[in-house]
Amino acid sequence: MYQDRILLTSRDILEKDFKIDTRGYRPQEVDRFLDMIIKDYEEMNTIIRDLEREKKQLVEDNIQLKQEVRNLKVKLDVLADSENGSSTNADVLRRISKLEKIIYGKE
């Protein structure tokens, strides 16, 4: 995703050979190469800052979503408890009814 914004790899930097003049390396060639390195480092820093901002936003969103999930679980538990309470009463009434049939039916 960000690879198209970076011109050099670490291998490119490591394997770069400058041509040697009678006085040494060609200054223009070294300067051009160093300019590319500087541009890459600036771009890398920009990418890192963007990713850090994005990460911060995602962490905040994640915290908010987790809180919403907790709230929804609490609401779900409250609803389940209220439904279980009425179904428990119905179950008790059914059991009483069955017991009454057994007791009064056999008499």
PDB file of N, CA and C in Angstrom:
ATOM      1  N   MET A   1       0.818  -1.185   0.000  1.00  0.00           N
ATOM      2  CA  MET A   1       0.000   0.000   0.000  1.00  0.00           C
ATOM      3  C   MET A   1       0.867   1.257   0.000  1.00  0.00           C
ATOM      4  N   TYR A   2       1.867   1.284   0.876  1.00  0.00           N
ATOM      5  CA  TYR A   2       2.754   2.433   0.939  1.00  0.00           C
ATOM      6  C   TYR A   2       4.042   2.209   0.161  1.00  0.00           C
ATOM      7  N   GLN A   3       4.214   1.005  -0.366  1.00  0.00           N
ATOM      8  CA  GLN A   3       5.464   0.681  -1.046  1.00  0.00           C
ATOM      9  C   GLN A   3       5.701   1.543  -2.283  1.00  0.00           C
ATOM     10  N   ASP A   4       4.629   1.971  -2.937  1.00  0.00           N
ATOM     11  CA  ASP A   4       4.810   2.793  -4.141  1.00  0.00           C
ATOM     12  C   ASP A   4       5.286   4.200  -3.795  1.00  0.00           C
ATOM     13  N   ARG A   5       5.225   4.584  -2.526  1.00  0.00           N
ATOM     14  CA  ARG A   5       5.678   5.916  -2.114  1.00  0.00           C
ATOM     15  C   ARG A   5       7.150   5.920  -1.714  1.00  0.00           C
ATOM     16  N   ILE A   6       7.755   4.756  -1.534  1.00  0.00           N
ATOM     17  CA  ILE A   6       9.157   4.635  -1.113  1.00  0.00           C
ATOM     18  C   ILE A   6      10.004   4.277  -2.330  1.00  0.00           C
ATOM     19  N   LEU A   7      11.039   5.066  -2.561  1.00  0.00           N
ATOM     20  CA  LEU A   7      11.882   4.857  -3.744  1.00  0.00           C
ATOM     21  C   LEU A   7      12.962   3.800  -3.520  1.00  0.00           C
ATOM     22  N   LEU A   8      13.526   3.743  -2.327  1.00  0.00           N
ATOM     23  CA  LEU A   8      14.675   2.868  -2.075  1.00  0.00           C
ATOM     24  C   LEU A   8      14.349   1.803  -1.042  1.00  0.00           C
ATOM     25  N   THR A   9      14.988   0.663  -1.220  1.00  0.00           N
ATOM     26  CA  THR A   9      14.935  -0.373  -0.190  1.00  0.00           C
ATOM     27  C   THR A   9      16.271  -0.355   0.544  1.00  0.00           C
ATOM     28  N   SER A  10      16.325  -1.043   1.663  1.00  0.00           N
ATOM     29  CA  SER A  10      17.593  -1.090   2.393  1.00  0.00           C
ATOM     30  C   SER A  10      18.673  -1.765   1.553  1.00  0.00           C
ATOM     31  N   ARG A  11      18.257  -2.711   0.718  1.00  0.00           N
ATOM     32  CA  ARG A  11      19.212  -3.388  -0.166  1.00  0.00           C
ATOM     33  C   ARG A  11      19.786  -2.396  -1.206  1.00  0.00           C
ATOM     34  N   ASP A  12      18.917  -1.498  -1.738  1.00  0.00           N
ATOM     35  CA  ASP A  12      19.389  -0.493  -2.698  1.00  0.00           C
ATOM     36  C   ASP A  12      20.469   0.387  -2.077  1.00  0.00           C
ATOM     37  N   ILE A  13      20.231   0.798  -0.845  1.00  0.00           N
ATOM     38  CA  ILE A  13      21.198   1.662  -0.163  1.00  0.00           C
ATOM     39  C   ILE A  13      22.495   0.900   0.112  1.00  0.00           C
ATOM     40  N   LEU A  14      22.345  -0.347   0.570  1.00  0.00           N
ATOM     41  CA  LEU A  14      23.514  -1.149   0.902  1.00  0.00           C
ATOM     42  C   LEU A  14      24.366  -1.451  -0.327  1.00  0.00           C
ATOM     43  N   GLU A  15      23.736  -1.747  -1.447  1.00  0.00           N
ATOM     44  CA  GLU A  15      24.476  -2.176  -2.636  1.00  0.00           C
ATOM     45  C   GLU A  15      24.848  -1.035  -3.586  1.00  0.00           C
ATOM     46  N   LYS A  16      24.559   0.203  -3.216  1.00  0.00           N
ATOM     47  CA  LYS A  16      24.864   1.334  -4.096  1.00  0.00           C
ATOM     48  C   LYS A  16      26.383   1.507  -4.219  1.00  0.00           C
ATOM     49  N   ASP A  17      26.848   1.521  -5.453  1.00  0.00           N
ATOM     50  CA  ASP A  17      28.268   1.770  -5.734  1.00  0.00           C
ATOM     51  C   ASP A  17      28.383   3.079  -6.510  1.00  0.00           C
ATOM     52  N   PHE A  18      29.208   3.996  -6.023  1.00  0.00           N
ATOM     53  CA  PHE A  18      29.440   5.252  -6.718  1.00  0.00           C
ATOM     54  C   PHE A  18      30.685   5.086  -7.584  1.00  0.00           C
ATOM     55  N   LYS A  19      30.619   5.719  -8.746  1.00  0.00           N
ATOM     56  CA  LYS A  19      31.788   5.688  -9.625  1.00  0.00           C
ATOM     57  C   LYS A  19      32.860   6.615  -9.052  1.00  0.00           C
ATOM     58  N   ILE A  20      34.091   6.187  -9.196  1.00  0.00           N
ATOM     59  CA  ILE A  20      35.192   6.943  -8.615  1.00  0.00           C
ATOM     60  C   ILE A  20      35.896   7.737  -9.714  1.00  0.00           C
ATOM     61  N   ASP A  21      36.036   9.045  -9.479  1.00  0.00           N
ATOM     62  CA  ASP A  21      36.813   9.911 -10.364  1.00  0.00           C
ATOM     63  C   ASP A  21      38.265   9.891  -9.891  1.00  0.00           C
ATOM     64  N   THR A  22      39.043  10.681 -10.561  1.00  0.00           N
ATOM     65  CA  THR A  22      40.438  10.774 -10.151  1.00  0.00           C
ATOM     66  C   THR A  22      40.547  11.387  -8.758  1.00  0.00           C
ATOM     67  N   ARG A  23      39.593  12.221  -8.400  1.00  0.00           N
ATOM     68  CA  ARG A  23      39.608  12.852  -7.084  1.00  0.00           C
ATOM     69  C   ARG A  23      38.745  12.086  -6.066  1.00  0.00           C
ATOM     70  N   GLY A  24      38.023  11.099  -6.500  1.00  0.00           N
ATOM     71  CA  GLY A  24      37.145  10.363  -5.589  1.00  0.00           C
ATOM     72  C   GLY A  24      35.761  10.190  -6.217  1.00  0.00           C
ATOM     73  N   TYR A  25      34.752  10.064  -5.372  1.00  0.00           N
ATOM     74  CA  TYR A  25      33.384   9.899  -5.873  1.00  0.00           C
ATOM     75  C   TYR A  25      32.905  11.165  -6.555  1.00  0.00           C
ATOM     76  N   ARG A  26      31.971  10.981  -7.508  1.00  0.00           N
ATOM     77  CA  ARG A  26      31.375  12.132  -8.182  1.00  0.00           C
ATOM     78  C   ARG A  26      30.379  12.797  -7.230  1.00  0.00           C
ATOM     79  N   PRO A  27      30.629  14.022  -6.861  1.00  0.00           N
ATOM     80  CA  PRO A  27      29.767  14.694  -5.875  1.00  0.00           C
ATOM     81  C   PRO A  27      28.305  14.798  -6.318  1.00  0.00           C
ATOM     82  N   GLN A  28      28.060  15.037  -7.609  1.00  0.00           N
ATOM     83  CA  GLN A  28      26.681  15.163  -8.079  1.00  0.00           C
ATOM     84  C   GLN A  28      25.928  13.836  -7.909  1.00  0.00           C
ATOM     85  N   GLU A  29      26.609  12.732  -8.194  1.00  0.00           N
ATOM     86  CA  GLU A  29      25.977  11.420  -8.072  1.00  0.00           C
ATOM     87  C   GLU A  29      25.666  11.106  -6.601  1.00  0.00           C
ATOM     88  N   VAL A  30      26.619  11.425  -5.737  1.00  0.00           N
ATOM     89  CA  VAL A  30      26.406  11.201  -4.304  1.00  0.00           C
ATOM     90  C   VAL A  30      25.271  12.079  -3.810  1.00  0.00           C
ATOM     91  N   ASP A  31      25.241  13.331  -4.225  1.00  0.00           N
ATOM     92  CA  ASP A  31      24.181  14.252  -3.809  1.00  0.00           C
ATOM     93  C   ASP A  31      22.806  13.776  -4.269  1.00  0.00           C
ATOM     94  N   ARG A  32      22.713  13.315  -5.520  1.00  0.00           N
ATOM     95  CA  ARG A  32      21.420  12.816  -6.025  1.00  0.00           C
ATOM     96  C   ARG A  32      20.947  11.616  -5.203  1.00  0.00           C
ATOM     97  N   PHE A  33      21.880  10.720  -4.905  1.00  0.00           N
ATOM     98  CA  PHE A  33      21.522   9.539  -4.132  1.00  0.00           C
ATOM     99  C   PHE A  33      21.094   9.926  -2.713  1.00  0.00           C
ATOM    100  N   LEU A  34      21.832  10.826  -2.103  1.00  0.00           N
ATOM    101  CA  LEU A  34      21.473  11.272  -0.759  1.00  0.00           C
ATOM    102  C   LEU A  34      20.133  12.004  -0.757  1.00  0.00           C
ATOM    103  N   ASP A  35      19.850  12.746  -1.823  1.00  0.00           N
ATOM    104  CA  ASP A  35      18.543  13.409  -1.930  1.00  0.00           C
ATOM    105  C   ASP A  35      17.412  12.379  -1.975  1.00  0.00           C
ATOM    106  N   MET A  36      17.645  11.283  -2.689  1.00  0.00           N
ATOM    107  CA  MET A  36      16.635  10.218  -2.736  1.00  0.00           C
ATOM    108  C   MET A  36      16.434   9.611  -1.350  1.00  0.00           C
ATOM    109  N   ILE A  37      17.525   9.398  -0.634  1.00  0.00           N
ATOM    110  CA  ILE A  37      17.437   8.833   0.715  1.00  0.00           C
ATOM    111  C   ILE A  37      16.664   9.788   1.628  1.00  0.00           C
ATOM    112  N   ILE A  38      16.973  11.054   1.548  1.00  0.00           N
ATOM    113  CA  ILE A  38      16.282  12.046   2.375  1.00  0.00           C
ATOM    114  C   ILE A  38      14.793  12.059   2.058  1.00  0.00           C
ATOM    115  N   LYS A  39      14.463  12.019   0.763  1.00  0.00           N
ATOM    116  CA  LYS A  39      13.048  12.014   0.373  1.00  0.00           C
ATOM    117  C   LYS A  39      12.346  10.779   0.921  1.00  0.00           C
ATOM    118  N   ASP A  40      13.012   9.625   0.844  1.00  0.00           N
ATOM    119  CA  ASP A  40      12.429   8.394   1.381  1.00  0.00           C
ATOM    120  C   ASP A  40      12.206   8.490   2.887  1.00  0.00           C
ATOM    121  N   TYR A  41      13.175   9.020   3.599  1.00  0.00           N
ATOM    122  CA  TYR A  41      13.017   9.125   5.047  1.00  0.00           C
ATOM    123  C   TYR A  41      11.892  10.090   5.400  1.00  0.00           C
ATOM    124  N   GLU A  42      11.779  11.188   4.666  1.00  0.00           N
ATOM    125  CA  GLU A  42      10.679  12.115   4.910  1.00  0.00           C
ATOM    126  C   GLU A  42       9.331  11.444   4.632  1.00  0.00           C
ATOM    127  N   GLU A  43       9.263  10.696   3.547  1.00  0.00           N
ATOM    128  CA  GLU A  43       8.029   9.982   3.206  1.00  0.00           C
ATOM    129  C   GLU A  43       7.717   8.921   4.260  1.00  0.00           C
ATOM    130  N   MET A  44       8.734   8.219   4.722  1.00  0.00           N
ATOM    131  CA  MET A  44       8.532   7.208   5.755  1.00  0.00           C
ATOM    132  C   MET A  44       8.011   7.849   7.032  1.00  0.00           C
ATOM    133  N   ASN A  45       8.548   8.980   7.403  1.00  0.00           N
ATOM    134  CA  ASN A  45       8.070   9.686   8.590  1.00  0.00           C
ATOM    135  C   ASN A  45       6.618  10.127   8.427  1.00  0.00           C
ATOM    136  N   THR A  46       6.264  10.587   7.240  1.00  0.00           N
ATOM    137  CA  THR A  46       4.874  10.974   6.964  1.00  0.00           C
ATOM    138  C   THR A  46       3.958   9.755   7.095  1.00  0.00           C
ATOM    139  N   ILE A  47       4.389   8.641   6.532  1.00  0.00           N
ATOM    140  CA  ILE A  47       3.602   7.402   6.622  1.00  0.00           C
ATOM    141  C   ILE A  47       3.422   6.997   8.081  1.00  0.00           C
ATOM    142  N   ILE A  48       4.488   7.064   8.846  1.00  0.00           N
ATOM    143  CA  ILE A  48       4.422   6.682  10.260  1.00  0.00           C
ATOM    144  C   ILE A  48       3.456   7.591  11.009  1.00  0.00           C
ATOM    145  N   ARG A  49       3.527   8.896  10.772  1.00  0.00           N
ATOM    146  CA  ARG A  49       2.605   9.824  11.441  1.00  0.00           C
ATOM    147  C   ARG A  49       1.159   9.523  11.057  1.00  0.00           C
ATOM    148  N   ASP A  50       0.914   9.267   9.759  1.00  0.00           N
ATOM    149  CA  ASP A  50      -0.443   8.935   9.311  1.00  0.00           C
ATOM    150  C   ASP A  50      -0.946   7.658   9.970  1.00  0.00           C
ATOM    151  N   LEU A  51      -0.085   6.650  10.031  1.00  0.00           N
ATOM    152  CA  LEU A  51      -0.479   5.379  10.647  1.00  0.00           C
ATOM    153  C   LEU A  51      -0.722   5.536  12.145  1.00  0.00           C
ATOM    154  N   GLU A  52       0.069   6.357  12.785  1.00  0.00           N
ATOM    155  CA  GLU A  52      -0.133   6.602  14.218  1.00  0.00           C
ATOM    156  C   GLU A  52      -1.477   7.290  14.458  1.00  0.00           C
ATOM    157  N   ARG A  53      -1.813   8.274  13.618  1.00  0.00           N
ATOM    158  CA  ARG A  53      -3.120   8.943  13.738  1.00  0.00           C
ATOM    159  C   ARG A  53      -4.253   7.950  13.513  1.00  0.00           C
ATOM    160  N   GLU A  54      -4.103   7.119  12.482  1.00  0.00           N
ATOM    161  CA  GLU A  54      -5.115   6.117  12.164  1.00  0.00           C
ATOM    162  C   GLU A  54      -5.249   5.103  13.310  1.00  0.00           C
ATOM    163  N   LYS A  55      -4.122   4.683  13.852  1.00  0.00           N
ATOM    164  CA  LYS A  55      -4.134   3.736  14.969  1.00  0.00           C
ATOM    165  C   LYS A  55      -4.837   4.337  16.178  1.00  0.00           C
ATOM    166  N   LYS A  56      -4.532   5.601  16.478  1.00  0.00           N
ATOM    167  CA  LYS A  56      -5.164   6.273  17.603  1.00  0.00           C
ATOM    168  C   LYS A  56      -6.674   6.319  17.419  1.00  0.00           C
ATOM    169  N   GLN A  57      -7.127   6.654  16.217  1.00  0.00           N
ATOM    170  CA  GLN A  57      -8.560   6.705  15.934  1.00  0.00           C
ATOM    171  C   GLN A  57      -9.191   5.325  16.056  1.00  0.00           C
ATOM    172  N   LEU A  58      -8.511   4.307  15.560  1.00  0.00           N
ATOM    173  CA  LEU A  58      -9.036   2.940  15.650  1.00  0.00           C
ATOM    174  C   LEU A  58      -9.118   2.457  17.100  1.00  0.00           C
ATOM    175  N   VAL A  59      -8.139   2.824  17.900  1.00  0.00           N
ATOM    176  CA  VAL A  59      -8.172   2.448  19.314  1.00  0.00           C
ATOM    177  C   VAL A  59      -9.356   3.122  20.003  1.00  0.00           C
ATOM    178  N   GLU A  60      -9.570   4.408  19.700  1.00  0.00           N
ATOM    179  CA  GLU A  60     -10.709   5.114  20.286  1.00  0.00           C
ATOM    180  C   GLU A  60     -12.028   4.490  19.832  1.00  0.00           C
ATOM    181  N   ASP A  61     -12.128   4.155  18.548  1.00  0.00           N
ATOM    182  CA  ASP A  61     -13.337   3.497  18.028  1.00  0.00           C
ATOM    183  C   ASP A  61     -13.541   2.146  18.695  1.00  0.00           C
ATOM    184  N   ASN A  62     -12.457   1.412  18.881  1.00  0.00           N
ATOM    185  CA  ASN A  62     -12.527   0.096  19.514  1.00  0.00           C
ATOM    186  C   ASN A  62     -13.035   0.212  20.948  1.00  0.00           C
ATOM    187  N   ILE A  63     -12.531   1.188  21.688  1.00  0.00           N
ATOM    188  CA  ILE A  63     -12.979   1.409  23.063  1.00  0.00           C
ATOM    189  C   ILE A  63     -14.465   1.740  23.080  1.00  0.00           C
ATOM    190  N   GLN A  64     -14.880   2.610  22.173  1.00  0.00           N
ATOM    191  CA  GLN A  64     -16.291   2.993  22.107  1.00  0.00           C
ATOM    192  C   GLN A  64     -17.172   1.784  21.763  1.00  0.00           C
ATOM    193  N   LEU A  65     -16.745   0.987  20.806  1.00  0.00           N
ATOM    194  CA  LEU A  65     -17.519  -0.192  20.419  1.00  0.00           C
ATOM    195  C   LEU A  65     -17.587  -1.221  21.552  1.00  0.00           C
ATOM    196  N   LYS A  66     -16.496  -1.400  22.266  1.00  0.00           N
ATOM    197  CA  LYS A  66     -16.510  -2.320  23.396  1.00  0.00           C
ATOM    198  C   LYS A  66     -17.495  -1.849  24.463  1.00  0.00           C
ATOM    199  N   GLN A  67     -17.528  -0.536  24.689  1.00  0.00           N
ATOM    200  CA  GLN A  67     -18.473   0.006  25.667  1.00  0.00           C
ATOM    201  C   GLN A  67     -19.910  -0.226  25.201  1.00  0.00           C
ATOM    202  N   GLU A  68     -20.169  -0.029  23.916  1.00  0.00           N
ATOM    203  CA  GLU A  68     -21.503  -0.283  23.376  1.00  0.00           C
ATOM    204  C   GLU A  68     -21.886  -1.754  23.523  1.00  0.00           C
ATOM    205  N   VAL A  69     -20.926  -2.651  23.274  1.00  0.00           N
ATOM    206  CA  VAL A  69     -21.192  -4.087  23.428  1.00  0.00           C
ATOM    207  C   VAL A  69     -21.533  -4.400  24.880  1.00  0.00           C
ATOM    208  N   ARG A  70     -20.768  -3.825  25.827  1.00  0.00           N
ATOM    209  CA  ARG A  70     -21.058  -4.045  27.247  1.00  0.00           C
ATOM    210  C   ARG A  70     -22.460  -3.562  27.593  1.00  0.00           C
ATOM    211  N   ASN A  71     -22.824  -2.372  27.118  1.00  0.00           N
ATOM    212  CA  ASN A  71     -24.151  -1.828  27.390  1.00  0.00           C
ATOM    213  C   ASN A  71     -25.240  -2.716  26.804  1.00  0.00           C
ATOM    214  N   LEU A  72     -25.025  -3.194  25.591  1.00  0.00           N
ATOM    215  CA  LEU A  72     -26.018  -4.063  24.966  1.00  0.00           C
ATOM    216  C   LEU A  72     -26.131  -5.401  25.695  1.00  0.00           C
ATOM    217  N   LYS A  73     -25.013  -5.934  26.171  1.00  0.00           N
ATOM    218  CA  LYS A  73     -25.057  -7.180  26.936  1.00  0.00           C
ATOM    219  C   LYS A  73     -25.850  -6.993  28.225  1.00  0.00           C
ATOM    220  N   VAL A  74     -25.645  -5.859  28.879  1.00  0.00           N
ATOM    221  CA  VAL A  74     -26.391  -5.574  30.103  1.00  0.00           C
ATOM    222  C   VAL A  74     -27.882  -5.503  29.794  1.00  0.00           C
ATOM    223  N   LYS A  75     -28.242  -4.792  28.728  1.00  0.00           N
ATOM    224  CA  LYS A  75     -29.651  -4.694  28.338  1.00  0.00           C
ATOM    225  C   LYS A  75     -30.211  -6.070  27.995  1.00  0.00           C
ATOM    226  N   LEU A  76     -29.428  -6.877  27.299  1.00  0.00           N
ATOM    227  CA  LEU A  76     -29.862  -8.220  26.939  1.00  0.00           C
ATOM    228  C   LEU A  76     -30.068  -9.077  28.182  1.00  0.00           C
ATOM    229  N   ASP A  77     -29.152  -8.973  29.138  1.00  0.00           N
ATOM    230  CA  ASP A  77     -29.288  -9.721  30.393  1.00  0.00           C
ATOM    231  C   ASP A  77     -30.541  -9.291  31.146  1.00  0.00           C
ATOM    232  N   VAL A  78     -30.817  -7.990  31.169  1.00  0.00           N
ATOM    233  CA  VAL A  78     -32.016  -7.493  31.846  1.00  0.00           C
ATOM    234  C   VAL A  78     -33.263  -8.039  31.169  1.00  0.00           C
ATOM    235  N   LEU A  79     -33.276  -8.020  29.837  1.00  0.00           N
ATOM    236  CA  LEU A  79     -34.424  -8.564  29.104  1.00  0.00           C
ATOM    237  C   LEU A  79     -34.568 -10.061  29.336  1.00  0.00           C
ATOM    238  N   ALA A  80     -33.463 -10.772  29.313  1.00  0.00           N
ATOM    239  CA  ALA A  80     -33.510 -12.220  29.529  1.00  0.00           C
ATOM    240  C   ALA A  80     -34.010 -12.537  30.929  1.00  0.00           C
ATOM    241  N   ASP A  81     -33.555 -11.765  31.928  1.00  0.00           N
ATOM    242  CA  ASP A  81     -34.015 -11.986  33.302  1.00  0.00           C
ATOM    243  C   ASP A  81     -35.504 -11.717  33.441  1.00  0.00           C
ATOM    244  N   SER A  82     -35.976 -10.672  32.793  1.00  0.00           N
ATOM    245  CA  SER A  82     -37.405 -10.366  32.904  1.00  0.00           C
ATOM    246  C   SER A  82     -38.240 -11.436  32.206  1.00  0.00           C
ATOM    247  N   GLU A  83     -37.753 -11.956  31.078  1.00  0.00           N
ATOM    248  CA  GLU A  83     -38.476 -13.022  30.382  1.00  0.00           C
ATOM    249  C   GLU A  83     -38.402 -14.325  31.168  1.00  0.00           C
ATOM    250  N   ASN A  84     -37.257 -14.616  31.736  1.00  0.00           N
ATOM    251  CA  ASN A  84     -37.101 -15.835  32.535  1.00  0.00           C
ATOM    252  C   ASN A  84     -37.986 -15.798  33.764  1.00  0.00           C
ATOM    253  N   GLY A  85     -38.167 -14.658  34.352  1.00  0.00           N
ATOM    254  CA  GLY A  85     -39.021 -14.527  35.520  1.00  0.00           C
ATOM    255  C   GLY A  85     -40.453 -14.900  35.193  1.00  0.00           C
ATOM    256  N   SER A  86     -40.986 -14.429  34.082  1.00  0.00           N
ATOM    257  CA  SER A  86     -42.365 -14.761  33.726  1.00  0.00           C
ATOM    258  C   SER A  86     -42.479 -16.208  33.263  1.00  0.00           C
ATOM    259  N   SER A  87     -41.494 -16.726  32.549  1.00  0.00           N
ATOM    260  CA  SER A  87     -41.560 -18.125  32.132  1.00  0.00           C
ATOM    261  C   SER A  87     -41.362 -19.046  33.330  1.00  0.00           C
ATOM    262  N   THR A  88     -40.595 -18.616  34.304  1.00  0.00           N
ATOM    263  CA  THR A  88     -40.429 -19.418  35.512  1.00  0.00           C
ATOM    264  C   THR A  88     -41.755 -19.521  36.254  1.00  0.00           C
ATOM    265  N   ASN A  89     -42.475 -18.425  36.324  1.00  0.00           N
ATOM    266  CA  ASN A  89     -43.795 -18.445  36.965  1.00  0.00           C
ATOM    267  C   ASN A  89     -44.741 -19.375  36.197  1.00  0.00           C
ATOM    268  N   ALA A  90     -44.697 -19.319  34.892  1.00  0.00           N
ATOM    269  CA  ALA A  90     -45.555 -20.190  34.083  1.00  0.00           C
ATOM    270  C   ALA A  90     -45.181 -21.652  34.306  1.00  0.00           C
ATOM    271  N   ASP A  91     -43.873 -21.915  34.386  1.00  0.00           N
ATOM    272  CA  ASP A  91     -43.433 -23.290  34.650  1.00  0.00           C
ATOM    273  C   ASP A  91     -43.934 -23.773  36.006  1.00  0.00           C
ATOM    274  N   VAL A  92     -43.867 -22.916  37.000  1.00  0.00           N
ATOM    275  CA  VAL A  92     -44.341 -23.280  38.339  1.00  0.00           C
ATOM    276  C   VAL A  92     -45.834 -23.575  38.297  1.00  0.00           C
ATOM    277  N   LEU A  93     -46.595 -22.737  37.596  1.00  0.00           N
ATOM    278  CA  LEU A  93     -48.038 -22.958  37.490  1.00  0.00           C
ATOM    279  C   LEU A  93     -48.348 -24.277  36.775  1.00  0.00           C
ATOM    280  N   ARG A  94     -47.603 -24.610  35.738  1.00  0.00           N
ATOM    281  CA  ARG A  94     -47.797 -25.888  35.034  1.00  0.00           C
ATOM    282  C   ARG A  94     -47.517 -27.072  35.961  1.00  0.00           C
ATOM    283  N   ARG A  95     -46.436 -26.963  36.717  1.00  0.00           N
ATOM    284  CA  ARG A  95     -46.091 -28.036  37.652  1.00  0.00           C
ATOM    285  C   ARG A  95     -47.182 -28.218  38.712  1.00  0.00           C
ATOM    286  N   ILE A  96     -47.659 -27.098  39.229  1.00  0.00           N
ATOM    287  CA  ILE A  96     -48.741 -27.170  40.228  1.00  0.00           C
ATOM    288  C   ILE A  96     -49.973 -27.819  39.609  1.00  0.00           C
ATOM    289  N   SER A  97     -50.266 -27.422  38.371  1.00  0.00           N
ATOM    290  CA  SER A  97     -51.431 -27.992  37.691  1.00  0.00           C
ATOM    291  C   SER A  97     -51.271 -29.512  37.518  1.00  0.00           C
ATOM    292  N   LYS A  98     -50.075 -29.948  37.102  1.00  0.00           N
ATOM    293  CA  LYS A  98     -49.825 -31.383  36.931  1.00  0.00           C
ATOM    294  C   LYS A  98     -49.952 -32.116  38.266  1.00  0.00           C
ATOM    295  N   LEU A  99     -49.396 -31.513  39.327  1.00  0.00           N
ATOM    296  CA  LEU A  99     -49.495 -32.136  40.644  1.00  0.00           C
ATOM    297  C   LEU A  99     -50.949 -32.236  41.100  1.00  0.00           C
ATOM    298  N   GLU A 100     -51.723 -31.200  40.843  1.00  0.00           N
ATOM    299  CA  GLU A 100     -53.142 -31.224  41.210  1.00  0.00           C
ATOM    300  C   GLU A 100     -53.865 -32.336  40.453  1.00  0.00           C
ATOM    301  N   LYS A 101     -53.554 -32.502  39.173  1.00  0.00           N
ATOM    302  CA  LYS A 101     -54.188 -33.566  38.380  1.00  0.00           C
ATOM    303  C   LYS A 101     -53.806 -34.925  38.945  1.00  0.00           C
ATOM    304  N   ILE A 102     -52.539 -35.085  39.315  1.00  0.00           N
ATOM    305  CA  ILE A 102     -52.088 -36.375  39.855  1.00  0.00           C
ATOM    306  C   ILE A 102     -52.797 -36.644  41.193  1.00  0.00           C
ATOM    307  N   ILE A 103     -52.789 -35.643  42.063  1.00  0.00           N
ATOM    308  CA  ILE A 103     -53.360 -35.830  43.395  1.00  0.00           C
ATOM    309  C   ILE A 103     -54.888 -35.993  43.316  1.00  0.00           C
ATOM    310  N   TYR A 104     -55.562 -35.109  42.639  1.00  0.00           N
ATOM    311  CA  TYR A 104     -57.021 -35.139  42.596  1.00  0.00           C
ATOM    312  C   TYR A 104     -57.526 -36.176  41.594  1.00  0.00           C
ATOM    313  N   GLY A 105     -56.724 -36.496  40.600  1.00  0.00           N
ATOM    314  CA  GLY A 105     -57.145 -37.496  39.626  1.00  0.00           C
ATOM    315  C   GLY A 105     -57.136 -38.899  40.196  1.00  0.00           C
ATOM    316  N   LYS A 106     -56.235 -39.164  41.107  1.00  0.00           N
ATOM    317  CA  LYS A 106     -56.116 -40.501  41.698  1.00  0.00           C
ATOM    318  C   LYS A 106     -57.073 -40.701  42.860  1.00  0.00           C
ATOM    319  N   GLU A 107     -57.644 -39.660  43.383  1.00  0.00           N
ATOM    320  CA  GLU A 107     -58.522 -39.801  44.547  1.00  0.00           C
ATOM    321  C   GLU A 107     -59.780 -40.391  44.192  1.00  0.00           C
TER     322      GLU A 107
END
